[in-house]
C-alpha atoms as a PDB file:
ATOM      1  CA  GLU A   1       0.000   0.000   0.000  1.00  0.00           C
ATOM      2  CA  GLU A   2       2.834   2.396   0.879  1.00  0.00           C
ATOM      3  CA  LEU A   3       4.686   1.576  -2.349  1.00  0.00           C
ATOM      4  CA  ALA A   4       1.511   2.167  -4.352  1.00  0.00           C
ATOM      5  CA  ARG A   5       1.071   5.525  -2.601  1.00  0.00           C
ATOM      6  CA  ARG A   6       4.652   6.545  -3.367  1.00  0.00           C
ATOM      7  CA  LYS A   7       4.288   5.579  -7.021  1.00  0.00           C
ATOM      8  CA  GLY A   8       1.133   7.646  -7.372  1.00  0.00           C
ATOM      9  CA  ILE A   9       2.653  10.694  -5.694  1.00  0.00           C
ATOM     10  CA  ALA A  10       5.807  10.412  -7.823  1.00  0.00           C
ATOM     11  CA  VAL A  11       3.774  10.376 -11.040  1.00  0.00           C
ATOM     12  CA  TRP A  12       1.582  13.243  -9.803  1.00  0.00           C
ATOM     13  CA  GLU A  13       4.637  15.345  -8.959  1.00  0.00           C
ATOM     14  CA  ARG A  14       6.149  14.606 -12.361  1.00  0.00           C
ATOM     15  CA  ILE A  15       2.955  15.686 -14.098  1.00  0.00           C
ATOM     16  CA  CYS A  16       2.892  18.878 -12.028  1.00  0.00           C
ATOM     17  CA  ALA A  17       6.537  19.596 -12.846  1.00  0.00           C
ATOM     18  CA  GLU A  18       6.305  18.923 -16.574  1.00  0.00           C
ATOM     19  CA  ARG A  19       2.766  20.244 -17.093  1.00  0.00           C
ATOM     20  CA  PRO A  20       2.300  18.666 -20.552  1.00  0.00           C
ATOM     21  CA  ASP A  21       0.403  20.764 -23.057  1.00  0.00           C
ATOM     22  CA  GLY A  22      -3.319  20.120 -23.071  1.00  0.00           C
ATOM     23  CA  ILE A  23      -3.424  18.542 -19.625  1.00  0.00           C
ATOM     24  CA  ASP A  24      -5.485  20.291 -16.972  1.00  0.00           C
ATOM     25  CA  LEU A  25      -4.229  19.177 -13.575  1.00  0.00           C
ATOM     26  CA  ALA A  26      -7.765  19.458 -12.263  1.00  0.00           C
ATOM     27  CA  ASP A  27      -8.618  16.610 -14.622  1.00  0.00           C
ATOM     28  CA  CYS A  28      -5.754  14.315 -13.596  1.00  0.00           C
ATOM     29  CA  ALA A  29      -6.401  11.136 -11.652  1.00  0.00           C
ATOM     30  CA  VAL A  30      -3.398   8.850 -11.126  1.00  0.00           C
ATOM     31  CA  ILE A  31      -3.919   5.156 -10.363  1.00  0.00           C
ATOM     32  CA  SER A  32      -0.960   3.251  -8.971  1.00  0.00           C
ATOM     33  CA  ALA A  33      -0.499  -0.249  -7.622  1.00  0.00           C
ATOM     34  CA  ASP A  34       2.162  -2.558  -6.261  1.00  0.00           C
ATOM     35  CA  THR A  35       2.172  -6.270  -5.499  1.00  0.00           C
ATOM     36  CA  VAL A  36       4.575  -8.466  -3.556  1.00  0.00           C
ATOM     37  CA  VAL A  37       4.641 -12.152  -2.721  1.00  0.00           C
ATOM     38  CA  CYS A  38       5.479 -13.227   0.819  1.00  0.00           C
ATOM     39  CA  LEU A  39       6.674 -16.791   1.481  1.00  0.00           C
ATOM     40  CA  GLU A  40       7.557 -17.770   5.036  1.00  0.00           C
ATOM     41  CA  GLY A  41       8.590 -14.234   5.905  1.00  0.00           C
ATOM     42  CA  GLU A  42      10.586 -13.599   2.708  1.00  0.00           C
ATOM     43  CA  ILE A  43       9.423 -10.947   0.272  1.00  0.00           C
ATOM     44  CA  LEU A  44       9.644 -12.111  -3.325  1.00  0.00           C
ATOM     45  CA  GLY A  45       9.757  -9.327  -5.861  1.00  0.00           C
ATOM     46  CA  LYS A  46      10.440  -9.678  -9.575  1.00  0.00           C
ATOM     47  CA  PRO A  47      13.190 -12.183 -10.437  1.00  0.00           C
ATOM     48  CA  ARG A  48      16.566 -10.619 -11.194  1.00  0.00           C
ATOM     49  CA  ASP A  49      17.602 -13.355 -13.601  1.00  0.00           C
ATOM     50  CA  ARG A  50      16.963 -16.978 -14.576  1.00  0.00           C
ATOM     51  CA  ALA A  51      18.600 -18.387 -11.457  1.00  0.00           C
ATOM     52  CA  ASP A  52      16.479 -16.148  -9.237  1.00  0.00           C
ATOM     53  CA  ALA A  53      13.297 -17.156 -11.095  1.00  0.00           C
ATOM     54  CA  LEU A  54      14.133 -20.847 -10.667  1.00  0.00           C
ATOM     55  CA  ARG A  55      14.769 -20.286  -6.968  1.00  0.00           C
ATOM     56  CA  MET A  56      11.413 -18.570  -6.468  1.00  0.00           C
ATOM     57  CA  ILE A  57       9.315 -21.173  -8.290  1.00  0.00           C
ATOM     58  CA  ARG A  58      11.068 -24.008  -6.458  1.00  0.00           C
ATOM     59  CA  ALA A  59      10.390 -22.259  -3.166  1.00  0.00           C
ATOM     60  CA  LEU A  60       6.685 -21.746  -3.983  1.00  0.00           C
ATOM     61  CA  SER A  61       6.180 -25.349  -5.102  1.00  0.00           C
ATOM     62  CA  GLY A  62       3.955 -27.345  -2.742  1.00  0.00           C
ATOM     63  CA  LYS A  63       3.420 -24.463  -0.318  1.00  0.00           C
ATOM     64  CA  GLU A  64       0.982 -21.723   0.588  1.00  0.00           C
ATOM     65  CA  HIS A  65       2.075 -18.106   0.325  1.00  0.00           C
ATOM     66  CA  LYS A  66       0.571 -14.640   0.642  1.00  0.00           C
ATOM     67  CA  VAL A  67       0.137 -12.019  -2.054  1.00  0.00           C
ATOM     68  CA  LEU A  68      -0.083  -8.435  -0.800  1.00  0.00           C
ATOM     69  CA  SER A  69      -1.476  -5.883  -3.244  1.00  0.00           C
ATOM     70  CA  GLY A  70      -1.809  -2.169  -2.666  1.00  0.00           C
ATOM     71  CA  VAL A  71      -3.619   0.361  -4.844  1.00  0.00           C
ATOM     72  CA  ALA A  72      -3.767   4.144  -4.667  1.00  0.00           C
ATOM     73  CA  VAL A  73      -5.756   6.925  -6.323  1.00  0.00           C
ATOM     74  CA  THR A  74      -4.152  10.365  -6.450  1.00  0.00           C
ATOM     75  CA  TYR A  75      -6.457  13.211  -7.406  1.00  0.00           C
ATOM     76  CA  GLY A  76      -6.052  16.911  -6.875  1.00  0.00           C
ATOM     77  CA  GLY A  77      -2.829  16.241  -4.970  1.00  0.00           C
ATOM     78  CA  VAL A  78      -4.645  14.024  -2.457  1.00  0.00           C
ATOM     79  CA  THR A  79      -3.959  10.272  -2.296  1.00  0.00           C
ATOM     80  CA  ARG A  80      -6.234   7.530  -0.985  1.00  0.00           C
ATOM     81  CA  THR A  81      -4.956   3.971  -0.561  1.00  0.00           C
ATOM     82  CA  ALA A  82      -6.223   0.447   0.079  1.00  0.00           C
ATOM     83  CA  SER A  83      -4.731  -3.031   0.154  1.00  0.00           C
ATOM     84  CA  CYS A  84      -5.650  -6.693   0.282  1.00  0.00           C
ATOM     85  CA  VAL A  85      -3.971  -9.949   1.258  1.00  0.00           C
ATOM     86  CA  THR A  86      -4.677 -13.210  -0.562  1.00  0.00           C
ATOM     87  CA  ARG A  87      -3.460 -16.690   0.350  1.00  0.00           C
ATOM     88  CA  VAL A  88      -2.443 -18.837  -2.601  1.00  0.00           C
ATOM     89  CA  ARG A  89      -1.901 -22.604  -2.474  1.00  0.00           C
ATOM     90  CA  VAL A  90       0.461 -24.154  -5.005  1.00  0.00           C
ATOM     91  CA  ASP A  91       0.755 -27.822  -5.937  1.00  0.00           C
ATOM     92  CA  GLU A  92       4.075 -29.636  -6.090  1.00  0.00           C
ATOM     93  CA  ILE A  93       5.697 -28.730  -9.395  1.00  0.00           C
ATOM     94  CA  PRO A  94       8.034 -31.242 -11.068  1.00  0.00           C
ATOM     95  CA  GLU A  95      11.542 -29.902 -11.676  1.00  0.00           C
ATOM     96  CA  ASP A  96      11.357 -30.280 -15.457  1.00  0.00           C
ATOM     97  CA  GLU A  97       8.125 -28.256 -15.523  1.00  0.00           C
ATOM     98  CA  ILE A  98       9.709 -25.558 -13.356  1.00  0.00           C
ATOM     99  CA  VAL A  99      12.548 -25.245 -15.863  1.00  0.00           C
ATOM    100  CA  ARG A 100      10.162 -25.101 -18.838  1.00  0.00           C
ATOM    101  CA  TYR A 101       8.028 -22.488 -17.116  1.00  0.00           C
ATOM    102  CA  VAL A 102      10.993 -20.253 -16.323  1.00  0.00           C
ATOM    103  CA  ASP A 103      12.381 -20.657 -19.841  1.00  0.00           C
ATOM    104  CA  SER A 104       9.021 -19.568 -21.266  1.00  0.00           C
ATOM    105  CA  GLY A 105       9.892 -16.042 -20.105  1.00  0.00           C
ATOM    106  CA  GLU A 106       6.648 -15.549 -18.198  1.00  0.00           C
ATOM    107  CA  PRO A 107       8.151 -15.073 -14.695  1.00  0.00           C
ATOM    108  CA  TYR A 108      10.458 -12.119 -15.277  1.00  0.00           C
ATOM    109  CA  ASP A 109       8.120  -9.143 -14.941  1.00  0.00           C
ATOM    110  CA  LYS A 110       6.004 -10.550 -12.116  1.00  0.00           C
ATOM    111  CA  ALA A 111       6.278 -10.480  -8.337  1.00  0.00           C
ATOM    112  CA  GLY A 112       7.135 -13.935  -7.052  1.00  0.00           C
ATOM    113  CA  GLY A 113       8.071 -15.020 -10.551  1.00  0.00           C
ATOM    114  CA  TYR A 114       4.595 -16.056 -11.654  1.00  0.00           C
ATOM    115  CA  GLY A 115       1.288 -14.789 -13.003  1.00  0.00           C
ATOM    116  CA  ILE A 116      -1.860 -16.506 -11.762  1.00  0.00           C
ATOM    117  CA  GLN A 117      -3.612 -15.468 -14.982  1.00  0.00           C
ATOM    118  CA  GLY A 118      -1.011 -17.251 -17.100  1.00  0.00           C
ATOM    119  CA  SER A 119       0.190 -20.818 -17.529  1.00  0.00           C
ATOM    120  CA  PHE A 120       1.191 -20.977 -13.850  1.00  0.00           C
ATOM    121  CA  SER A 121      -2.532 -21.226 -13.058  1.00  0.00           C
ATOM    122  CA  ARG A 122      -2.476 -25.007 -13.629  1.00  0.00           C
ATOM    123  CA  TRP A 123      -0.490 -25.411 -10.405  1.00  0.00           C
ATOM    124  CA  VAL A 124      -2.695 -23.142  -8.256  1.00  0.00           C
ATOM    125  CA  SER A 125      -4.926 -25.436  -6.210  1.00  0.00           C
ATOM    126  CA  GLY A 126      -6.847 -22.647  -4.473  1.00  0.00           C
ATOM    127  CA  ILE A 127      -6.899 -19.120  -3.120  1.00  0.00           C
ATOM    128  CA  ASP A 128      -8.413 -17.365  -0.121  1.00  0.00           C
ATOM    129  CA  GLY A 129      -8.996 -13.718  -0.919  1.00  0.00           C
ATOM    130  CA  CYS A 130      -9.063 -11.568  -4.042  1.00  0.00           C
ATOM    131  CA  TYR A 131      -8.075 -13.122  -7.369  1.00  0.00           C
ATOM    132  CA  PHE A 132      -7.567  -9.676  -8.920  1.00  0.00           C
ATOM    133  CA  GLY A 133      -5.234  -8.788  -6.061  1.00  0.00           C
ATOM    134  CA  VAL A 134      -3.008 -11.687  -7.107  1.00  0.00           C
ATOM    135  CA  VAL A 135      -3.164 -10.497 -10.728  1.00  0.00           C
ATOM    136  CA  GLY A 136      -1.888  -7.130  -9.519  1.00  0.00           C
ATOM    137  CA  LEU A 137      -4.876  -4.770  -9.465  1.00  0.00           C
ATOM    138  CA  PRO A 138      -7.456  -5.392  -6.701  1.00  0.00           C
ATOM    139  CA  ALA A 139     -10.454  -4.160  -8.675  1.00  0.00           C
ATOM    140  CA  ASN A 140     -12.838  -4.278  -5.707  1.00  0.00           C
ATOM    141  CA  LYS A 141     -10.557  -2.042  -3.649  1.00  0.00           C
ATOM    142  CA  LEU A 142     -10.026   0.297  -6.587  1.00  0.00           C
ATOM    143  CA  SER A 143     -13.754   0.657  -7.133  1.00  0.00           C
ATOM    144  CA  LYS A 144     -14.282   1.558  -3.475  1.00  0.00           C
ATOM    145  CA  LEU A 145     -11.431   4.089  -3.601  1.00  0.00           C
ATOM    146  CA  PHE A 146     -13.105   5.855  -6.512  1.00  0.00           C
ATOM    147  CA  PHE A 147     -16.403   5.902  -4.659  1.00  0.00           C
ATOM    148  CA  ASP A 148     -14.699   7.224  -1.505  1.00  0.00           C
ATOM    149  CA  CYS A 149     -13.165  10.005  -3.585  1.00  0.00           C
ATOM    150  CA  VAL A 150     -16.559  10.910  -5.014  1.00  0.00           C
ATOM    151  CA  LYS A 151     -18.254  10.692  -1.627  1.00  0.00           C
ATOM    152  CA  ALA A 152     -15.635  12.864   0.043  1.00  0.00           C
ATOM    153  CA  GLY A 153     -15.949  15.399  -2.740  1.00  0.00           C
ATOM    154  CA  PHE A 154     -12.337  16.518  -2.730  1.00  0.00           C
ATOM    155  CA  GLY A 155     -11.135  18.409  -5.816  1.00  0.00           C
ATOM    156  CA  GLN A 156     -13.017  20.714  -8.110  1.00  0.00           C
ATOM    157  CA  ARG A 157     -13.595  18.276 -10.951  1.00  0.00           C
ATOM    158  CA  ARG A 158     -14.954  15.159  -9.263  1.00  0.00           C
ATOM    159  CA  LYS A 159     -16.536  13.788 -12.408  1.00  0.00           C
ATOM    160  CA  THR A 160     -13.005  13.064 -13.677  1.00  0.00           C
ATOM    161  CA  LEU A 161     -12.845  10.118 -11.293  1.00  0.00           C
ATOM    162  CA  LEU A 162     -15.984   8.623 -12.787  1.00  0.00           C
ATOM    163  CA  ASN A 163     -14.897   9.262 -16.361  1.00  0.00           C
ATOM    164  CA  SER A 164     -11.466   7.733 -15.795  1.00  0.00           C
ATOM    165  CA  LEU A 165     -12.962   4.449 -14.560  1.00  0.00           C
ATOM    166  CA  GLN A 166     -13.815   3.369 -18.089  1.00  0.00           C
ATOM    167  CA  ASN A 167     -10.180   3.742 -19.181  1.00  0.00           C
ATOM    168  CA  VAL A 168      -8.520   1.652 -16.461  1.00  0.00           C
ATOM    169  CA  LYS A 169      -7.216  -1.706 -17.678  1.00  0.00           C
ATOM    170  CA  GLY A 170      -8.740  -4.480 -15.612  1.00  0.00           C
ATOM    171  CA  VAL A 171     -11.705  -2.461 -14.353  1.00  0.00           C
ATOM    172  CA  THR A 172     -14.901  -3.915 -15.761  1.00  0.00           C
ATOM    173  CA  LYS A 173     -18.082  -2.146 -16.758  1.00  0.00           C
ATOM    174  CA  GLU A 174     -19.736  -3.812 -13.778  1.00  0.00           C
ATOM    175  CA  ILE A 175     -17.346  -1.998 -11.420  1.00  0.00           C
ATOM    176  CA  VAL A 176     -18.134   1.295 -13.130  1.00  0.00           C
ATOM    177  CA  VAL A 177     -21.853   0.859 -12.673  1.00  0.00           C
ATOM    178  CA  ASP A 178     -21.411  -0.358  -9.086  1.00  0.00           C
ATOM    179  CA  SER A 179     -19.688   2.934  -8.278  1.00  0.00           C
ATOM    180  CA  LEU A 180     -22.343   4.937 -10.063  1.00  0.00           C
ATOM    181  CA  GLU A 181     -25.124   3.027  -8.349  1.00  0.00           C
ATOM    182  CA  ALA A 182     -23.502   3.616  -4.960  1.00  0.00           C
ATOM    183  CA  ALA A 183     -23.507   7.311  -5.804  1.00  0.00           C
ATOM    184  CA  GLY A 184     -27.254   7.171  -6.260  1.00  0.00           C
ATOM    185  CA  VAL A 185     -27.840   6.384  -9.911  1.00  0.00           C
ATOM    186  CA  GLU A 186     -30.226   3.431  -9.812  1.00  0.00           C
ATOM    187  CA  SER A 187     -30.526   3.073 -13.588  1.00  0.00           C
ATOM    188  CA  SER A 188     -26.807   2.394 -13.953  1.00  0.00           C
ATOM    189  CA  ARG A 189     -27.253  -1.307 -13.127  1.00  0.00           C
ATOM    190  CA  ARG A 190     -27.732  -2.155 -16.812  1.00  0.00           C
ATOM    191  CA  ALA A 191     -24.100  -3.176 -17.241  1.00  0.00           C
ATOM    192  CA  GLU A 192     -24.688  -5.159 -20.402  1.00  0.00           C
ATOM    193  CA  THR A 193     -26.169  -2.165 -22.222  1.00  0.00           C
ATOM    194  CA  LEU A 194     -24.156   0.688 -20.731  1.00  0.00           C
ATOM    195  CA  ASP A 195     -22.345   2.119 -23.759  1.00  0.00           C
ATOM    196  CA  LEU A 196     -20.020   5.123 -23.698  1.00  0.00           C
ATOM    197  CA  GLU A 197     -22.796   7.560 -24.627  1.00  0.00           C
ATOM    198  CA  GLU A 198     -24.986   6.358 -21.777  1.00  0.00           C
ATOM    199  CA  PHE A 199     -21.994   6.304 -19.438  1.00  0.00           C
ATOM    200  CA  ALA A 200     -21.307   9.969 -20.212  1.00  0.00           C
ATOM    201  CA  ARG A 201     -24.922  10.820 -19.498  1.00  0.00           C
ATOM    202  CA  VAL A 202     -24.930   8.878 -16.224  1.00  0.00           C
ATOM    203  CA  ALA A 203     -21.594  10.366 -15.127  1.00  0.00           C
ATOM    204  CA  ASN A 204     -23.000  13.828 -15.745  1.00  0.00           C
ATOM    205  CA  GLU A 205     -26.062  12.950 -13.672  1.00  0.00           C
ATOM    206  CA  VAL A 206     -23.843  11.788 -10.829  1.00  0.00           C
ATOM    207  CA  ASN A 207     -21.810  14.981 -11.005  1.00  0.00           C
ATOM    208  CA  LYS A 208     -24.978  17.062 -10.646  1.00  0.00           C
ATOM    209  CA  ARG A 209     -25.912  15.189  -7.480  1.00  0.00           C
ATOM    210  CA  LEU A 210     -22.531  15.614  -5.798  1.00  0.00           C
END
């Protein structure tokens, strides 16, 4: 959570310093996240090299570990954060399969050396917690952060938070309408038919009520 907060603030400060043409800082909402894997008290970040990736996957094999994911929303210079912890159980992985997995290249840009959404999923026997937190973006927490920002009413252009939801990778239309519904727009539940034109109309309606 702290790393996610620092990332968001760093990007916000860079935007403020550079002030790119055409960007109104009142319209800027920065989303940042960070994920780490914790196995028996050891923090596993991204593998440094092949040997490190092999070490991590061997260590995870046949054990349960924790995935800690933090997310932050920075808007108007104010940052709100949230985090989640998920327990992941991994089957025993044969050595030859560990080597093939590492040589596939999949582990190198991922905390703990694996991605639950990728081919590693065949060894995951179960989880307790948030699947999206293991992927790297706890969508449920992010949705609530956006709603908290709207509810608190900080900043002069609060509708930016609602508009930016539709552009966040990994945030579904259902999450968008959940946030809008929580803000008092009952008609927003029609997730399957909520196109961009209707979303703009609903976001404008929410903004009028805030």
